[in-house]
Amino acid sequence: MVAAFLGLFAGLGALALVLLGAVALLIGSISIGPCNFGMSKRLSCAGSDRRLIAATVDLTGRQVATRLRKGDDPNLADRAGDTALACAALIGNRKAVDELLAAGATPGVAGTAGGRPIIAAVSGEGRFGNEADSDGVAITPLTSPDRVAIVRALVKKGVSPDIALAPAAEKGNVAAIDALVHLGADPNGAAAAPSPLLGAVFGQTPRVVATLLADHADPNNGGTVGGGDVGKAINQLAPTEGFTIPLSLAGALMKLPDKGEVPPIVAAALLHHDRQGLLTQLLEARADPNALAFGRYSALWIAVQTRNYAAATVLRVHGAVPDPPGAESATAAAFRFGDQRMLTILQH
């Protein structure tokens, strides 16, 4: 999705990498097998050496039914690691999924193309896109009711809906989000993982943010972000959002823990071009303006580091304090930068 982690200086750079890595972690749940060599996932399924798996691209479901009647094993993977159920879910082939589940396909087993079936159902092809017809193989749009029906069928077979909520949020799949929550998914997502809300903030998708908040997602819960799995978004976000990493902070944050919590409000403070008003959206949902990432870094401190005057102003209006106890001082940072405009915002 984004460029690889650059060996940037520490300070805000290290924190930004940890924060922005949440998006990469959401996408990481959809695996790409070593035998795909860049081909689309649906083409990997269509070209399978197992006839049952290749049959999943037939949206009528008849070819899958025929192969099952002939005794094909619904759980047998092919040489690339693809499985019939994961491929059928990835393509959005509701009829094939129904046939496979009825024949005893294990609902939670992952395949190389698509990953776990419930995640494949809400995500489609992930980074390859979801065009209606690509490589000569049709795929059901993410907005199709068939994909929601697949999710329901998998949950009915015992699959946890929690694991699919963050991928659905990352893809902006509002219909899937509503269905998953209705099926009992925790709106804050799976434990020990970045929350769906954090992914929606980084994805700058206000409709998804609104949907999650309406479904009672905690506006302060960004989930757990792994410090060792981060960095795949910073190379694109900084130039896109128009901020630079101040070199004066080099080395300040190199000892971040392996895992930590990142409130969505802190992530939103990195968005300089917040045309969708995500920061305000979170604050109006009663997000804590003084919440800390890794117990140390506030949204206001982030705004100071990246010269995000608009964010700093909104945060101050909603009660953010420049120097919360035990946290990095936004006021001290503004003084070091000699940023009189920011100091004025902090003092009012």
Protein backbone atom coordinates (compact mmCIF):
# COMPACT_ATOMS: atom_id res chain seq x y z
CA MET A 1 0.00 0.00 0.00
CA VAL A 2 2.72 2.40 0.90
CA ALA A 3 6.42 2.77 0.77
CA ALA A 4 8.71 0.75 3.00
CA PHE A 5 9.96 2.02 6.32
CA LEU A 6 12.65 4.61 5.98
CA GLY A 7 15.43 4.83 8.51
CA LEU A 8 14.27 8.21 9.67
CA PHE A 9 15.49 10.12 12.66
CA ALA A 10 13.85 9.56 16.00
CA GLY A 11 11.78 12.09 17.87
CA LEU A 12 8.46 12.63 16.20
CA GLY A 13 9.59 10.41 13.36
CA ALA A 14 9.68 7.38 15.62
CA LEU A 15 6.26 8.17 17.06
CA ALA A 16 4.76 8.90 13.68
CA LEU A 17 6.03 5.59 12.40
CA VAL A 18 4.41 3.76 15.27
CA LEU A 19 1.12 5.58 14.76
CA LEU A 20 1.00 5.21 11.02
CA GLY A 21 1.95 1.57 11.18
CA ALA A 22 -1.63 0.87 12.35
CA VAL A 23 -2.89 1.10 8.80
CA ALA A 24 -0.22 -1.29 7.59
CA LEU A 25 -1.12 -3.74 10.34
CA LEU A 26 -4.78 -3.74 9.23
CA ILE A 27 -3.77 -4.61 5.72
CA GLY A 28 -1.24 -7.18 6.91
CA SER A 29 -4.09 -9.54 7.83
CA ILE A 30 -4.54 -10.29 4.11
CA SER A 31 -1.59 -12.40 3.03
CA ILE A 32 0.02 -12.63 -0.38
CA GLY A 33 1.59 -15.98 -1.07
CA PRO A 34 5.09 -16.48 -2.39
CA CYS A 35 3.74 -18.21 -5.49
CA ASN A 36 1.58 -15.31 -6.67
CA PHE A 37 4.49 -13.27 -8.09
CA GLY A 38 2.41 -10.10 -8.21
CA MET A 39 -0.62 -11.57 -9.96
CA SER A 40 -4.04 -10.59 -8.69
CA LYS A 41 -5.47 -12.82 -6.00
CA ARG A 42 -8.48 -13.77 -8.06
CA LEU A 43 -6.20 -14.89 -10.89
CA SER A 44 -4.28 -17.03 -8.40
CA CYS A 45 -7.57 -18.71 -7.49
CA ALA A 46 -8.64 -19.10 -11.12
CA GLY A 47 -5.32 -20.67 -12.06
CA SER A 48 -5.26 -23.15 -9.19
CA ASP A 49 -4.02 -26.68 -9.86
CA ARG A 50 -7.04 -27.91 -7.89
CA ARG A 51 -10.24 -27.93 -9.92
CA LEU A 52 -12.45 -27.15 -6.93
CA ILE A 53 -10.50 -24.00 -6.13
CA ALA A 54 -10.44 -22.91 -9.77
CA ALA A 55 -14.20 -23.42 -9.85
CA THR A 56 -14.77 -20.73 -7.21
CA VAL A 57 -14.52 -18.04 -9.86
CA ASP A 58 -17.83 -19.28 -11.36
CA LEU A 59 -20.33 -16.97 -9.66
CA THR A 60 -23.23 -19.33 -10.36
CA GLY A 61 -21.75 -21.84 -7.92
CA ARG A 62 -22.58 -24.71 -10.26
CA GLN A 63 -18.98 -25.69 -10.95
CA VAL A 64 -18.20 -25.87 -7.24
CA ALA A 65 -21.30 -28.01 -6.65
CA THR A 66 -20.21 -30.34 -9.46
CA ARG A 67 -16.70 -30.77 -8.07
CA LEU A 68 -18.05 -31.47 -4.58
CA ARG A 69 -20.43 -34.12 -5.94
CA LYS A 70 -17.43 -35.76 -7.58
CA GLY A 71 -15.76 -36.02 -4.18
CA ASP A 72 -13.32 -33.09 -4.12
CA ASP A 73 -12.10 -32.30 -0.60
CA PRO A 74 -13.45 -28.83 0.38
CA ASN A 75 -10.51 -28.25 2.75
CA LEU A 76 -7.57 -29.34 0.60
CA ALA A 77 -5.20 -26.48 -0.29
CA ASP A 78 -3.38 -26.29 -3.59
CA ARG A 79 0.39 -25.96 -4.10
CA ALA A 80 0.21 -22.18 -3.70
CA GLY A 81 -1.61 -22.51 -0.37
CA ASP A 82 -4.94 -21.34 -1.74
CA THR A 83 -8.13 -22.84 -0.33
CA ALA A 84 -11.56 -23.05 -1.90
CA LEU A 85 -13.45 -21.24 0.86
CA ALA A 86 -10.99 -18.35 1.09
CA CYS A 87 -11.03 -17.93 -2.70
CA ALA A 88 -14.83 -18.05 -2.84
CA ALA A 89 -15.08 -15.45 -0.06
CA LEU A 90 -12.46 -13.22 -1.70
CA ILE A 91 -14.39 -13.24 -4.98
CA GLY A 92 -17.66 -12.71 -3.13
CA ASN A 93 -19.14 -15.94 -4.49
CA ARG A 94 -22.03 -16.47 -2.10
CA LYS A 95 -23.34 -19.60 -3.79
CA ALA A 96 -19.94 -21.25 -3.78
CA VAL A 97 -19.46 -20.39 -0.10
CA ASP A 98 -22.81 -21.94 0.75
CA GLU A 99 -21.93 -25.13 -1.15
CA LEU A 100 -18.51 -25.39 0.51
CA LEU A 101 -19.81 -24.84 4.04
CA ALA A 102 -22.56 -27.41 3.47
CA ALA A 103 -19.87 -29.87 2.32
CA GLY A 104 -17.85 -29.38 5.50
CA ALA A 105 -15.33 -26.66 4.61
CA THR A 106 -13.65 -25.39 7.77
CA PRO A 107 -14.84 -21.77 8.10
CA GLY A 108 -11.79 -20.28 9.81
CA VAL A 109 -8.92 -21.78 7.82
CA ALA A 110 -6.89 -19.22 5.86
CA GLY A 111 -5.73 -19.50 2.29
CA THR A 112 -2.80 -17.76 0.64
CA ALA A 113 -5.16 -15.69 -1.52
CA GLY A 114 -7.54 -13.82 0.73
CA GLY A 115 -6.32 -14.93 4.13
CA ARG A 116 -9.08 -15.94 6.51
CA PRO A 117 -12.41 -16.25 4.68
CA ILE A 118 -14.29 -13.68 6.75
CA ILE A 119 -11.54 -11.10 6.15
CA ALA A 120 -11.46 -11.95 2.46
CA ALA A 121 -15.23 -11.43 2.31
CA VAL A 122 -15.06 -7.85 3.64
CA SER A 123 -11.80 -6.90 1.91
CA GLY A 124 -11.88 -8.46 -1.53
CA GLU A 125 -8.48 -8.23 -3.16
CA GLY A 126 -7.10 -5.59 -0.86
CA ARG A 127 -4.32 -3.64 -2.57
CA PHE A 128 -5.10 -5.03 -6.02
CA GLY A 129 -8.48 -3.29 -6.07
CA ASN A 130 -11.90 -4.75 -6.67
CA GLU A 131 -12.82 -3.92 -10.25
CA ALA A 132 -15.86 -5.83 -11.49
CA ASP A 133 -13.81 -7.69 -14.09
CA SER A 134 -10.03 -7.87 -14.01
CA ASP A 135 -7.77 -10.45 -15.62
CA GLY A 136 -10.91 -11.89 -17.17
CA VAL A 137 -12.19 -13.03 -13.77
CA ALA A 138 -15.32 -11.38 -12.35
CA ILE A 139 -15.51 -10.32 -8.70
CA THR A 140 -18.44 -9.22 -6.57
CA PRO A 141 -18.22 -5.54 -5.45
CA LEU A 142 -17.50 -4.91 -1.78
CA THR A 143 -20.89 -3.21 -1.50
CA SER A 144 -22.76 -6.31 -2.66
CA PRO A 145 -25.30 -7.88 -0.25
CA ASP A 146 -23.73 -11.23 -1.21
CA ARG A 147 -20.62 -10.33 0.81
CA VAL A 148 -22.71 -9.52 3.88
CA ALA A 149 -24.49 -12.86 3.40
CA ILE A 150 -21.10 -14.61 3.32
CA VAL A 151 -20.10 -12.90 6.56
CA ARG A 152 -23.35 -14.01 8.19
CA ALA A 153 -22.86 -17.60 7.02
CA LEU A 154 -19.31 -17.72 8.40
CA VAL A 155 -20.29 -16.24 11.75
CA LYS A 156 -23.14 -18.76 11.97
CA LYS A 157 -20.47 -21.45 11.63
CA GLY A 158 -18.60 -20.08 14.63
CA VAL A 159 -16.16 -17.54 13.13
CA SER A 160 -15.58 -14.51 15.36
CA PRO A 161 -16.88 -11.30 13.74
CA ASP A 162 -14.31 -9.25 15.69
CA ILE A 163 -11.40 -10.19 13.42
CA ALA A 164 -13.09 -8.73 10.32
CA LEU A 165 -14.12 -5.36 11.71
CA ALA A 166 -10.76 -3.59 11.36
CA PRO A 167 -10.23 -4.82 7.76
CA ALA A 168 -13.78 -3.72 6.89
CA ALA A 169 -13.03 -0.27 8.33
CA GLU A 170 -9.75 -0.04 6.42
CA LYS A 171 -11.60 -0.79 3.17
CA GLY A 172 -14.42 1.65 3.98
CA ASN A 173 -16.94 -1.21 3.85
CA VAL A 174 -19.77 0.37 5.84
CA ALA A 175 -22.30 -2.38 5.04
CA ALA A 176 -19.92 -5.00 6.41
CA ILE A 177 -19.22 -2.93 9.53
CA ASP A 178 -22.94 -2.64 10.30
CA ALA A 179 -23.46 -6.36 9.71
CA LEU A 180 -20.49 -7.37 11.86
CA VAL A 181 -21.59 -5.21 14.78
CA HIS A 182 -25.13 -6.55 14.45
CA LEU A 183 -23.66 -10.05 14.61
CA GLY A 184 -21.97 -9.23 17.89
CA ALA A 185 -18.58 -7.81 16.89
CA ASP A 186 -16.99 -5.57 19.47
CA PRO A 187 -16.97 -2.10 17.79
CA ASN A 188 -13.47 -1.66 19.20
CA GLY A 189 -12.21 -4.65 17.21
CA ALA A 190 -10.08 -7.59 18.19
CA ALA A 191 -7.95 -7.50 21.34
CA ALA A 192 -4.26 -6.60 21.14
CA ALA A 193 -4.61 -5.04 17.68
CA PRO A 194 -5.12 -1.58 16.19
CA SER A 195 -8.76 -0.59 16.53
CA PRO A 196 -11.09 -0.14 13.54
CA LEU A 197 -11.52 3.50 14.55
CA LEU A 198 -7.77 4.14 14.38
CA GLY A 199 -7.68 2.64 10.89
CA ALA A 200 -10.61 4.78 9.79
CA VAL A 201 -8.89 7.93 11.06
CA PHE A 202 -5.69 7.16 9.17
CA GLY A 203 -7.76 6.21 6.13
CA GLN A 204 -9.51 9.58 6.44
CA THR A 205 -12.92 8.02 5.94
CA PRO A 206 -15.42 10.13 7.93
CA ARG A 207 -18.37 7.92 7.02
CA VAL A 208 -16.64 4.93 8.57
CA VAL A 209 -15.65 6.97 11.64
CA ALA A 210 -19.28 8.08 12.01
CA THR A 211 -20.55 4.51 11.57
CA LEU A 212 -18.17 3.14 14.21
CA LEU A 213 -19.01 5.90 16.67
CA ALA A 214 -22.72 5.33 16.08
CA ASP A 215 -22.10 1.66 16.81
CA HIS A 216 -20.62 2.72 20.18
CA ALA A 217 -16.93 2.43 19.40
CA ASP A 218 -14.90 4.03 22.17
CA PRO A 219 -13.52 7.32 20.73
CA ASN A 220 -10.46 6.94 22.97
CA ASN A 221 -9.61 3.38 21.95
CA GLY A 222 -7.00 3.09 19.24
CA GLY A 223 -6.10 -0.43 20.23
CA THR A 224 -2.59 -1.78 20.59
CA VAL A 225 0.08 -0.87 18.05
CA GLY A 226 3.24 -2.93 17.75
CA GLY A 227 6.39 -0.85 17.77
CA GLY A 228 8.22 -3.44 15.67
CA ASP A 229 5.67 -3.60 12.83
CA VAL A 230 5.46 0.03 11.86
CA GLY A 231 6.59 2.57 9.33
CA LYS A 232 4.93 1.72 6.03
CA ALA A 233 2.91 4.93 5.79
CA ILE A 234 5.26 7.75 6.84
CA ASN A 235 6.90 8.11 3.43
CA GLN A 236 3.59 8.99 1.82
CA LEU A 237 1.80 10.80 4.64
CA ALA A 238 4.43 13.45 5.40
CA PRO A 239 4.61 14.93 1.88
CA THR A 240 0.88 14.48 1.32
CA GLU A 241 -0.01 16.24 4.57
CA GLY A 242 2.77 18.80 4.12
CA PHE A 243 4.71 18.36 7.35
CA THR A 244 8.35 17.60 8.00
CA ILE A 245 10.01 15.68 10.81
CA PRO A 246 12.04 18.14 12.95
CA LEU A 247 15.63 16.97 13.14
CA SER A 248 16.03 18.52 16.59
CA LEU A 249 14.07 15.59 17.98
CA ALA A 250 16.52 13.01 16.68
CA GLY A 251 17.05 10.25 19.18
CA ALA A 252 14.33 11.39 21.61
CA LEU A 253 11.93 8.53 21.00
CA MET A 254 14.13 5.64 19.95
CA LYS A 255 13.19 3.59 23.01
CA LEU A 256 9.51 3.15 22.33
CA PRO A 257 8.07 -0.08 23.77
CA ASP A 258 7.30 -3.00 21.51
CA LYS A 259 3.60 -2.39 22.00
CA GLY A 260 1.53 0.54 23.16
CA GLU A 261 -1.80 2.31 22.91
CA VAL A 262 -2.42 5.04 20.36
CA PRO A 263 -5.65 7.04 20.84
CA PRO A 264 -7.36 8.05 17.57
CA ILE A 265 -7.21 11.71 18.61
CA VAL A 266 -3.40 11.59 18.53
CA ALA A 267 -3.46 10.08 15.05
CA ALA A 268 -5.90 12.74 13.85
CA ALA A 269 -3.48 15.47 14.95
CA LEU A 270 -1.09 14.33 12.20
CA LEU A 271 -3.62 15.19 9.49
CA HIS A 272 -2.85 18.69 8.28
CA HIS A 273 -5.42 18.59 5.49
CA ASP A 274 -8.29 17.38 7.67
CA ARG A 275 -10.94 18.55 5.23
CA GLN A 276 -13.36 15.96 6.56
CA GLY A 277 -13.19 17.30 10.12
CA LEU A 278 -12.14 14.00 11.67
CA LEU A 279 -10.49 15.69 14.63
CA THR A 280 -13.66 17.61 15.43
CA GLN A 281 -15.73 14.49 14.83
CA LEU A 282 -13.77 12.61 17.50
CA LEU A 283 -13.84 15.49 19.96
CA GLU A 284 -17.58 15.92 19.58
CA ALA A 285 -17.90 12.20 20.35
CA ARG A 286 -16.14 13.00 23.64
CA ALA A 287 -12.69 11.82 22.79
CA ASP A 288 -10.26 12.92 25.50
CA PRO A 289 -8.27 15.86 24.04
CA ASN A 290 -5.47 15.05 26.49
CA ALA A 291 -5.20 11.30 25.77
CA LEU A 292 -1.61 10.10 25.42
CA ALA A 293 0.02 7.76 22.93
CA PHE A 294 2.39 5.35 24.67
CA GLY A 295 1.54 7.17 27.89
CA ARG A 296 3.65 10.14 26.85
CA TYR A 297 2.63 11.97 23.67
CA SER A 298 -0.49 14.11 23.42
CA ALA A 299 -2.33 15.19 20.29
CA LEU A 300 -1.39 18.79 21.04
CA TRP A 301 2.29 17.86 21.29
CA ILE A 302 2.01 16.15 17.89
CA ALA A 303 0.36 19.27 16.45
CA VAL A 304 3.25 21.40 17.73
CA GLN A 305 5.89 19.09 16.26
CA THR A 306 4.34 19.15 12.80
CA ARG A 307 3.26 22.81 12.89
CA ASN A 308 -0.39 21.79 12.58
CA TYR A 309 -1.92 25.09 13.67
CA ALA A 310 -5.47 24.16 12.72
CA ALA A 311 -5.36 21.00 14.82
CA ALA A 312 -3.78 22.84 17.75
CA THR A 313 -6.53 25.45 17.65
CA VAL A 314 -9.31 22.85 17.60
CA LEU A 315 -7.69 20.91 20.43
CA ARG A 316 -7.32 24.01 22.62
CA VAL A 317 -10.96 24.96 22.03
CA HIS A 318 -11.96 21.50 23.25
CA GLY A 319 -9.86 21.65 26.41
CA ALA A 320 -6.46 20.24 25.46
CA VAL A 321 -3.78 21.40 27.89
CA PRO A 322 -0.27 22.11 26.60
CA ASP A 323 1.56 20.36 29.41
CA PRO A 324 -0.34 17.39 30.87
CA PRO A 325 1.39 15.72 33.85
CA GLY A 326 3.89 13.05 32.90
CA ALA A 327 3.74 13.90 29.20
CA GLU A 328 5.98 15.72 26.76
CA SER A 329 5.52 19.49 27.00
CA ALA A 330 3.94 21.13 23.97
CA THR A 331 4.86 24.56 25.31
CA ALA A 332 8.53 23.65 25.69
CA ALA A 333 8.56 22.25 22.17
CA ALA A 334 7.05 25.44 20.74
CA PHE A 335 9.66 27.51 22.60
CA ARG A 336 12.47 25.37 21.19
CA PHE A 337 11.14 25.93 17.69
CA GLY A 338 10.72 29.66 18.31
CA ASP A 339 7.19 29.22 16.97
CA GLN A 340 5.42 32.37 18.15
CA ARG A 341 2.24 31.53 16.26
CA MET A 342 1.96 28.20 18.04
CA LEU A 343 2.81 29.76 21.41
CA THR A 344 -0.05 32.20 20.93
CA ILE A 345 -2.44 29.30 20.31
CA LEU A 346 -1.15 27.44 23.38
CA GLN A 347 -1.51 30.49 25.63
CA HIS A 348 -5.15 31.20 24.74
